[in-house]
Amino acid sequence: DEDMIPDEEMVITISHQGYIKRTPLTEYRTQGRGGVGSRGAVTKSDDFTEHLFAATNHDYLLIFTENGKVFWKKVWAIPEGGKATKGRAIQNLINIEPGDKVKAVINVRNLKDEDYINNHYIVMCTANGTIKKTSLEAYSRPRQNGINAITIQEGDHLIDVKLTDGNNHIIIASREGQAVHFHESDVRPMGRTATGVRGIKLEGEGNCAVGMVCVTNEEATLLVVSEKGYGKRSYVSEYRITKRGAKGVKAMNITEKTGKLVAIKGVTDKDDLMIINKSGITIRLAVADLRVMGRATQGVKLIRLNEGDEISSVEKIEKMEEQEEENSSTNNNNNEEA
C-alpha cells in the first residue's frame, strides 16, 4: 500500500543503455559527487547516465518512447539501488516493444490535482518537425500497458517531450542548422491521438528536426552542437520570433568543417553536458565554461575528435549542488575559435 511508503526524495537515473534505478537523495549528500567521470574525462564504451533528476516516492513518471507511447510508473515502484549499482533494464518494468526506445521522462507530482493537470501541457516534437500540444489531463489516467501519446506517421519518430504551463517560448532546430522560435500559444491544444501540426519547415534532402527547447524566459541560453564537435551558446532573444511552421533563422553555419547539427539544448551555468561520440567515447563538459556568443557566429570547437569519429548525441545533466568537484580543472584548451 502506497501509504506505507515514506514520500522520500529520490534521485532517478536512467542510463544511455536503458537501465533505471532510484537512489535516496541522502546518498548523494553524504557521498559527494556521483560517478559519471570527472569533467572533461573520457570513458570508453561505458554506459553513462542520460537522464538524472530528483523526484519523491509518490511522484509519477511519464515515460515516452520513440514510437509515441507513454507509460506510467510510480517512483517507489522503481528498483532502489546505490550510486554504484547498474539498476534494472527499463523494458523489464514497462511493456516497451522490441526496437522501441525511451526518449523522454517527465515527473509529475499529482495526476489527481484537477487544477494542475488542466493548466499544464505535454508538448512533443517529432523528427519530421511536427509539434503537438495536449493537456496533461489526457495523460492523467495510468494504464498498465501504456497508451499512444501521439499518432506517429510512417517513417517518423518522437524526439523530444516537455511539460509546460502554456507560457513557454518554443525553439526547434534542424539538422541543416536552422532554428524556429515561436510562442507556445501558437500551438493549440489537441487530443491525445492527434498527429500534431507543423513546427518547423524542413528543407533539403535528409533534413530532420534534432531537438526542441521550451523556456519561459528569453534570457535563457541555447546551446547548439554539430557532428564534428563545434558548439555555440547564445541567448534565446538572439533567435527572432517567427510563426510556427516557418523555416526559422540560422542557428549555425553548417559547413564541411562543422558537420550537421546534432543537438539543441536549453542550458544554464548550473548544467553539465555529456557528449557521446559514435566511437563510444563520452566527454563531460561544464556549460559555465562556454561563453555566450552571438547567433551569427561560427561557434567554438567543444571537443577534439579522432579522424572519422563524430558526435552522435548530447545530453544535459543538471549538476546537483552536492556534486561540485573540489578541483574544477576543465580542458580550457578545447575552446579555440573555429
Protein backbone atom coordinates (compact mmCIF):
# COMPACT_ATOMS: atom_id res chain seq x y z
CA ASP A 1 0.00 0.00 0.00
CA GLU A 2 1.43 3.36 -1.02
CA ASP A 3 0.52 4.97 2.30
CA MET A 4 3.07 2.73 3.96
CA ILE A 5 5.86 4.08 1.75
CA PRO A 6 7.53 7.25 3.04
CA ASP A 7 7.42 10.06 0.47
CA GLU A 8 11.19 10.49 0.47
CA GLU A 9 13.27 12.38 -2.06
CA MET A 10 14.93 10.15 -4.60
CA VAL A 11 17.32 10.64 -7.46
CA ILE A 12 16.16 8.78 -10.57
CA THR A 13 18.83 7.84 -13.08
CA ILE A 14 18.27 6.32 -16.49
CA SER A 15 21.32 5.23 -18.40
CA HIS A 16 22.05 5.55 -22.09
CA GLN A 17 21.60 1.79 -22.47
CA GLY A 18 18.21 1.87 -20.74
CA TYR A 19 18.85 0.93 -17.11
CA ILE A 20 16.81 2.70 -14.44
CA LYS A 21 17.08 2.99 -10.67
CA ARG A 22 16.22 5.28 -7.77
CA THR A 23 18.73 6.27 -5.11
CA PRO A 24 17.89 8.18 -1.91
CA LEU A 25 18.97 11.80 -2.26
CA THR A 26 20.70 11.48 1.11
CA GLU A 27 23.19 9.12 -0.50
CA TYR A 28 24.25 11.89 -2.88
CA ARG A 29 24.65 14.32 0.00
CA THR A 30 26.85 12.09 2.10
CA GLN A 31 28.99 10.61 -0.60
CA GLY A 32 29.90 13.68 -2.59
CA ARG A 33 29.90 13.52 -6.33
CA GLY A 34 28.17 10.77 -8.35
CA GLY A 35 30.37 8.69 -10.58
CA VAL A 36 29.88 9.94 -14.07
CA GLY A 37 33.58 10.52 -14.69
CA SER A 38 35.22 13.85 -13.95
CA ARG A 39 34.54 16.77 -16.23
CA GLY A 40 36.40 16.53 -19.48
CA ALA A 41 37.21 12.93 -18.66
CA VAL A 42 36.94 10.30 -21.35
CA THR A 43 35.27 6.96 -20.71
CA LYS A 44 35.34 4.29 -23.38
CA SER A 45 32.18 2.44 -24.50
CA ASP A 46 30.90 2.51 -20.95
CA ASP A 47 27.29 3.11 -20.06
CA PHE A 48 26.56 6.53 -18.56
CA THR A 49 23.72 8.47 -17.01
CA GLU A 50 21.47 10.05 -19.63
CA HIS A 51 18.52 11.25 -17.54
CA LEU A 52 19.06 12.31 -13.94
CA PHE A 53 16.51 14.16 -11.82
CA ALA A 54 15.11 14.39 -8.32
CA ALA A 55 11.58 13.18 -7.56
CA THR A 56 9.80 11.90 -4.48
CA ASN A 57 8.50 8.37 -3.95
CA HIS A 58 4.86 9.30 -4.58
CA ASP A 59 5.53 11.16 -7.85
CA TYR A 60 4.52 9.67 -11.18
CA LEU A 61 6.99 9.25 -14.00
CA LEU A 62 5.58 9.56 -17.53
CA ILE A 63 7.90 7.59 -19.79
CA PHE A 64 7.67 8.45 -23.50
CA THR A 65 9.10 6.26 -26.26
CA GLU A 66 10.35 6.91 -29.77
CA ASN A 67 7.26 5.24 -31.29
CA GLY A 68 4.95 7.62 -29.42
CA LYS A 69 3.80 5.53 -26.46
CA VAL A 70 3.61 6.72 -22.87
CA PHE A 71 3.93 4.53 -19.78
CA TRP A 72 3.37 5.43 -16.14
CA LYS A 73 5.44 4.36 -13.18
CA LYS A 74 5.32 5.42 -9.56
CA VAL A 75 8.77 6.41 -8.31
CA TRP A 76 8.54 3.94 -5.42
CA ALA A 77 7.95 1.11 -7.93
CA ILE A 78 11.37 1.67 -9.49
CA PRO A 79 14.07 -0.62 -8.06
CA GLU A 80 16.22 1.10 -5.47
CA GLY A 81 19.99 0.88 -5.78
CA GLY A 82 23.12 2.65 -4.64
CA LYS A 83 25.00 5.00 -6.90
CA ALA A 84 27.41 2.29 -7.94
CA THR A 85 24.68 -0.17 -8.98
CA LYS A 86 23.50 -0.60 -12.53
CA GLY A 87 19.73 -0.62 -11.99
CA ARG A 88 17.15 -2.67 -13.91
CA ALA A 89 16.57 -2.71 -17.66
CA ILE A 90 13.63 -0.40 -18.28
CA GLN A 91 11.93 -2.89 -20.60
CA ASN A 92 11.52 -5.20 -17.58
CA LEU A 93 9.47 -2.51 -15.83
CA ILE A 94 7.27 -1.31 -18.68
CA ASN A 95 5.88 -3.20 -21.66
CA ILE A 96 8.05 -1.42 -24.19
CA GLU A 97 8.03 -3.09 -27.59
CA PRO A 98 11.24 -4.56 -29.01
CA GLY A 99 13.06 -1.94 -31.07
CA ASP A 100 11.34 0.96 -29.28
CA LYS A 101 13.43 3.25 -27.05
CA VAL A 102 12.77 5.64 -24.16
CA LYS A 103 13.02 9.20 -25.45
CA ALA A 104 11.89 11.33 -22.52
CA VAL A 105 10.83 11.02 -18.89
CA ILE A 106 8.72 13.62 -17.12
CA ASN A 107 7.93 13.56 -13.43
CA VAL A 108 4.58 14.85 -12.23
CA ARG A 109 3.67 15.44 -8.62
CA ASN A 110 -0.03 14.71 -8.65
CA LEU A 111 -2.17 13.48 -11.52
CA LYS A 112 -5.32 13.91 -9.41
CA ASP A 113 -4.90 17.67 -8.94
CA GLU A 114 -7.56 18.96 -11.37
CA ASP A 115 -6.23 22.49 -11.40
CA TYR A 116 -2.69 21.36 -12.16
CA ILE A 117 -3.47 18.82 -14.88
CA ASN A 118 -5.85 21.19 -16.67
CA ASN A 119 -3.31 24.01 -16.74
CA HIS A 120 -0.28 22.03 -17.84
CA TYR A 121 0.54 20.53 -21.21
CA ILE A 122 2.67 17.83 -22.76
CA VAL A 123 4.44 19.24 -25.83
CA MET A 124 6.00 16.74 -28.25
CA CYS A 125 8.21 17.10 -31.27
CA THR A 126 8.97 14.52 -33.98
CA ALA A 127 11.90 14.11 -36.38
CA ASN A 128 9.73 15.34 -39.26
CA GLY A 129 9.25 18.65 -37.47
CA THR A 130 5.72 18.01 -36.23
CA ILE A 131 4.73 19.51 -32.88
CA LYS A 132 1.79 18.53 -30.70
CA LYS A 133 0.46 20.04 -27.50
CA THR A 134 -2.03 18.11 -25.38
CA SER A 135 -3.43 18.85 -21.93
CA LEU A 136 -1.72 16.87 -19.17
CA GLU A 137 -5.26 15.82 -18.22
CA ALA A 138 -5.27 13.43 -21.21
CA TYR A 139 -2.33 11.57 -19.63
CA SER A 140 -3.68 11.53 -16.09
CA ARG A 141 -5.25 8.06 -16.05
CA PRO A 142 -2.46 5.49 -15.81
CA ARG A 143 -2.85 2.23 -17.74
CA GLN A 144 -0.72 -0.82 -17.14
CA ASN A 145 0.26 -1.35 -20.78
CA GLY A 146 0.79 2.28 -21.68
CA ILE A 147 -1.15 4.20 -24.32
CA ASN A 148 -0.43 6.07 -27.53
CA ALA A 149 0.71 9.55 -26.58
CA ILE A 150 0.72 10.74 -30.19
CA THR A 151 -0.05 9.22 -33.57
CA ILE A 152 3.27 8.92 -35.36
CA GLN A 153 3.31 8.93 -39.16
CA GLU A 154 5.12 6.18 -41.04
CA GLY A 155 8.88 6.81 -41.06
CA ASP A 156 8.71 9.42 -38.29
CA HIS A 157 9.58 9.15 -34.58
CA LEU A 158 9.35 11.18 -31.39
CA ILE A 159 12.50 13.14 -30.50
CA ASP A 160 11.53 15.37 -27.56
CA VAL A 161 8.81 15.80 -24.93
CA LYS A 162 8.40 18.67 -22.47
CA LEU A 163 5.96 19.56 -19.68
CA THR A 164 4.80 23.19 -19.99
CA ASP A 165 2.41 25.64 -18.36
CA GLY A 166 1.19 27.14 -21.64
CA ASN A 167 3.51 30.17 -21.45
CA ASN A 168 6.73 28.93 -22.99
CA HIS A 169 8.89 30.01 -25.88
CA ILE A 170 9.50 27.00 -28.13
CA ILE A 171 12.62 26.57 -30.24
CA ILE A 172 13.04 23.67 -32.69
CA ALA A 173 16.32 23.15 -34.55
CA SER A 174 17.02 21.22 -37.74
CA ARG A 175 19.95 19.12 -38.88
CA GLU A 176 20.73 21.72 -41.56
CA GLY A 177 21.36 24.37 -38.91
CA GLN A 178 18.09 26.34 -38.86
CA ALA A 179 16.05 27.08 -35.73
CA VAL A 180 12.48 28.30 -35.48
CA HIS A 181 11.33 30.26 -32.40
CA PHE A 182 7.63 30.80 -31.65
CA HIS A 183 5.37 31.22 -28.66
CA GLU A 184 3.61 28.19 -27.23
CA SER A 185 0.26 29.95 -27.72
CA ASP A 186 0.78 29.38 -31.49
CA VAL A 187 0.17 25.68 -30.89
CA ARG A 188 -3.43 24.96 -29.97
CA PRO A 189 -4.10 22.01 -27.67
CA MET A 190 -5.16 18.81 -29.48
CA GLY A 191 -6.48 15.41 -28.45
CA ARG A 192 -4.22 12.62 -27.33
CA THR A 193 -4.39 10.62 -30.57
CA ALA A 194 -3.81 13.60 -32.89
CA THR A 195 -0.71 13.75 -35.06
CA GLY A 196 0.01 17.43 -34.44
CA VAL A 197 0.88 20.38 -36.67
CA ARG A 198 3.98 21.60 -38.45
CA GLY A 199 6.52 23.04 -36.02
CA ILE A 200 9.40 23.71 -38.39
CA LYS A 201 9.60 23.72 -42.18
CA LEU A 202 12.37 21.32 -43.20
CA GLU A 203 14.16 21.98 -46.47
CA GLY A 204 16.77 19.78 -48.10
CA GLU A 205 17.24 16.04 -48.58
CA GLY A 206 17.54 14.09 -45.32
CA ASN A 207 16.86 17.14 -43.18
CA CYS A 208 15.12 16.50 -39.84
CA ALA A 209 14.40 18.15 -36.51
CA VAL A 210 17.12 17.37 -33.95
CA GLY A 211 15.64 18.83 -30.79
CA MET A 212 13.12 21.10 -29.11
CA VAL A 213 13.66 23.52 -26.24
CA CYS A 214 10.88 25.06 -24.12
CA VAL A 215 11.83 28.05 -21.95
CA THR A 216 9.76 30.61 -20.07
CA ASN A 217 12.45 33.27 -20.19
CA GLU A 218 14.10 34.81 -23.24
CA GLU A 219 17.23 35.40 -21.18
CA ALA A 220 17.79 31.66 -21.11
CA THR A 221 20.62 30.42 -23.31
CA LEU A 222 20.56 27.88 -26.11
CA LEU A 223 23.41 25.58 -26.99
CA VAL A 224 23.69 24.09 -30.47
CA VAL A 225 26.21 21.35 -31.22
CA SER A 226 27.38 19.93 -34.55
CA GLU A 227 28.62 16.48 -35.56
CA LYS A 228 32.25 17.48 -35.77
CA GLY A 229 32.45 18.97 -32.30
CA TYR A 230 31.53 22.63 -32.81
CA GLY A 231 29.17 24.35 -30.42
CA LYS A 232 27.71 27.74 -29.70
CA ARG A 233 25.84 29.20 -26.75
CA SER A 234 23.54 32.20 -27.41
CA TYR A 235 20.60 33.96 -25.75
CA VAL A 236 17.13 32.86 -26.84
CA SER A 237 16.42 36.51 -27.69
CA GLU A 238 19.02 36.28 -30.50
CA TYR A 239 16.59 33.97 -32.33
CA ARG A 240 13.86 36.27 -33.61
CA ILE A 241 10.30 35.06 -33.14
CA THR A 242 8.61 33.78 -36.30
CA LYS A 243 5.40 31.92 -36.92
CA ARG A 244 5.10 28.27 -36.07
CA GLY A 245 5.95 26.17 -39.12
CA ALA A 246 8.50 28.62 -40.53
CA LYS A 247 11.97 27.62 -41.69
CA GLY A 248 13.46 29.72 -38.90
CA VAL A 249 16.80 31.50 -38.69
CA LYS A 250 20.35 30.21 -38.94
CA ALA A 251 21.45 28.64 -35.65
CA MET A 252 24.82 27.57 -37.01
CA ASN A 253 26.61 27.96 -40.29
CA ILE A 254 26.78 24.34 -41.46
CA THR A 255 29.97 23.61 -43.39
CA GLU A 256 32.12 20.60 -44.25
CA LYS A 257 34.21 21.50 -41.21
CA THR A 258 31.34 21.67 -38.70
CA GLY A 259 29.21 18.79 -39.95
CA LYS A 260 25.43 18.80 -39.47
CA LEU A 261 23.64 19.94 -36.31
CA VAL A 262 23.04 17.11 -33.82
CA ALA A 263 21.53 18.86 -30.80
CA ILE A 264 19.94 21.95 -29.32
CA LYS A 265 19.61 22.31 -25.54
CA GLY A 266 18.35 24.99 -23.17
CA VAL A 267 21.25 25.42 -20.74
CA THR A 268 22.32 27.38 -17.67
CA ASP A 269 25.64 27.69 -15.87
CA LYS A 270 24.39 25.00 -13.49
CA ASP A 271 24.37 22.31 -16.19
CA ASP A 272 26.94 19.83 -17.37
CA LEU A 273 26.92 18.29 -20.83
CA MET A 274 27.60 14.70 -21.72
CA ILE A 275 28.84 14.49 -25.30
CA ILE A 276 28.60 10.99 -26.76
CA ASN A 277 30.67 10.08 -29.79
CA LYS A 278 29.87 7.37 -32.33
CA SER A 279 33.02 5.54 -31.20
CA GLY A 280 31.57 5.20 -27.69
CA ILE A 281 33.72 7.85 -26.03
CA THR A 282 31.88 10.12 -23.60
CA ILE A 283 33.11 13.55 -22.58
CA ARG A 284 31.70 15.69 -19.79
CA LEU A 285 31.84 19.49 -20.08
CA ALA A 286 30.64 22.32 -17.83
CA VAL A 287 28.27 24.75 -19.55
CA ALA A 288 29.71 27.53 -17.37
CA ASP A 289 32.95 27.21 -19.36
CA LEU A 290 31.20 28.17 -22.62
CA ARG A 291 30.86 31.91 -23.07
CA VAL A 292 27.66 33.31 -24.57
CA MET A 293 28.15 34.41 -28.21
CA GLY A 294 26.06 35.97 -30.95
CA ARG A 295 23.84 33.72 -33.04
CA ALA A 296 25.56 34.61 -36.31
CA THR A 297 28.97 33.36 -35.16
CA GLN A 298 30.60 30.09 -36.20
CA GLY A 299 30.96 28.76 -32.66
CA VAL A 300 33.92 27.12 -30.98
CA LYS A 301 35.41 23.67 -31.07
CA LEU A 302 33.97 21.99 -27.96
CA ILE A 303 35.88 18.74 -28.28
CA ARG A 304 38.57 17.29 -30.48
CA LEU A 305 37.51 14.21 -32.39
CA ASN A 306 39.64 11.47 -33.85
CA GLU A 307 39.64 11.10 -37.62
CA GLY A 308 36.32 9.66 -38.81
CA ASP A 309 34.62 9.98 -35.41
CA GLU A 310 31.63 12.26 -34.87
CA ILE A 311 29.20 13.27 -32.14
CA SER A 312 26.10 11.10 -32.01
CA SER A 313 24.23 12.85 -29.20
CA VAL A 314 24.46 15.44 -26.46
CA GLU A 315 22.70 15.13 -23.12
CA LYS A 316 22.28 17.77 -20.46
CA ILE A 317 22.77 16.75 -16.86
CA GLU A 318 21.84 19.12 -14.08
CA LYS A 319 24.61 19.31 -11.55
CA MET A 320 23.34 18.54 -8.10
CA GLU A 321 24.97 21.07 -5.79
CA GLU A 322 26.49 18.27 -3.76
CA GLN A 323 28.27 17.03 -6.84
CA GLU A 324 30.60 20.02 -7.21
CA GLU A 325 34.13 18.88 -7.72
CA GLU A 326 36.92 20.04 -5.48
CA ASN A 327 39.04 20.88 -8.49
CA SER A 328 37.05 22.09 -11.45
CA SER A 329 40.06 21.98 -13.74
CA THR A 330 38.47 21.67 -17.14
CA ASN A 331 40.04 21.44 -20.54
CA ASN A 332 40.09 25.08 -21.49
CA ASN A 333 42.36 24.35 -24.41
CA ASN A 334 39.37 22.90 -26.25
CA ASN A 335 37.69 26.25 -26.66
CA GLU A 336 39.69 27.51 -29.60
CA GLU A 337 37.79 29.65 -32.06
CA ALA A 338 36.55 27.84 -35.14
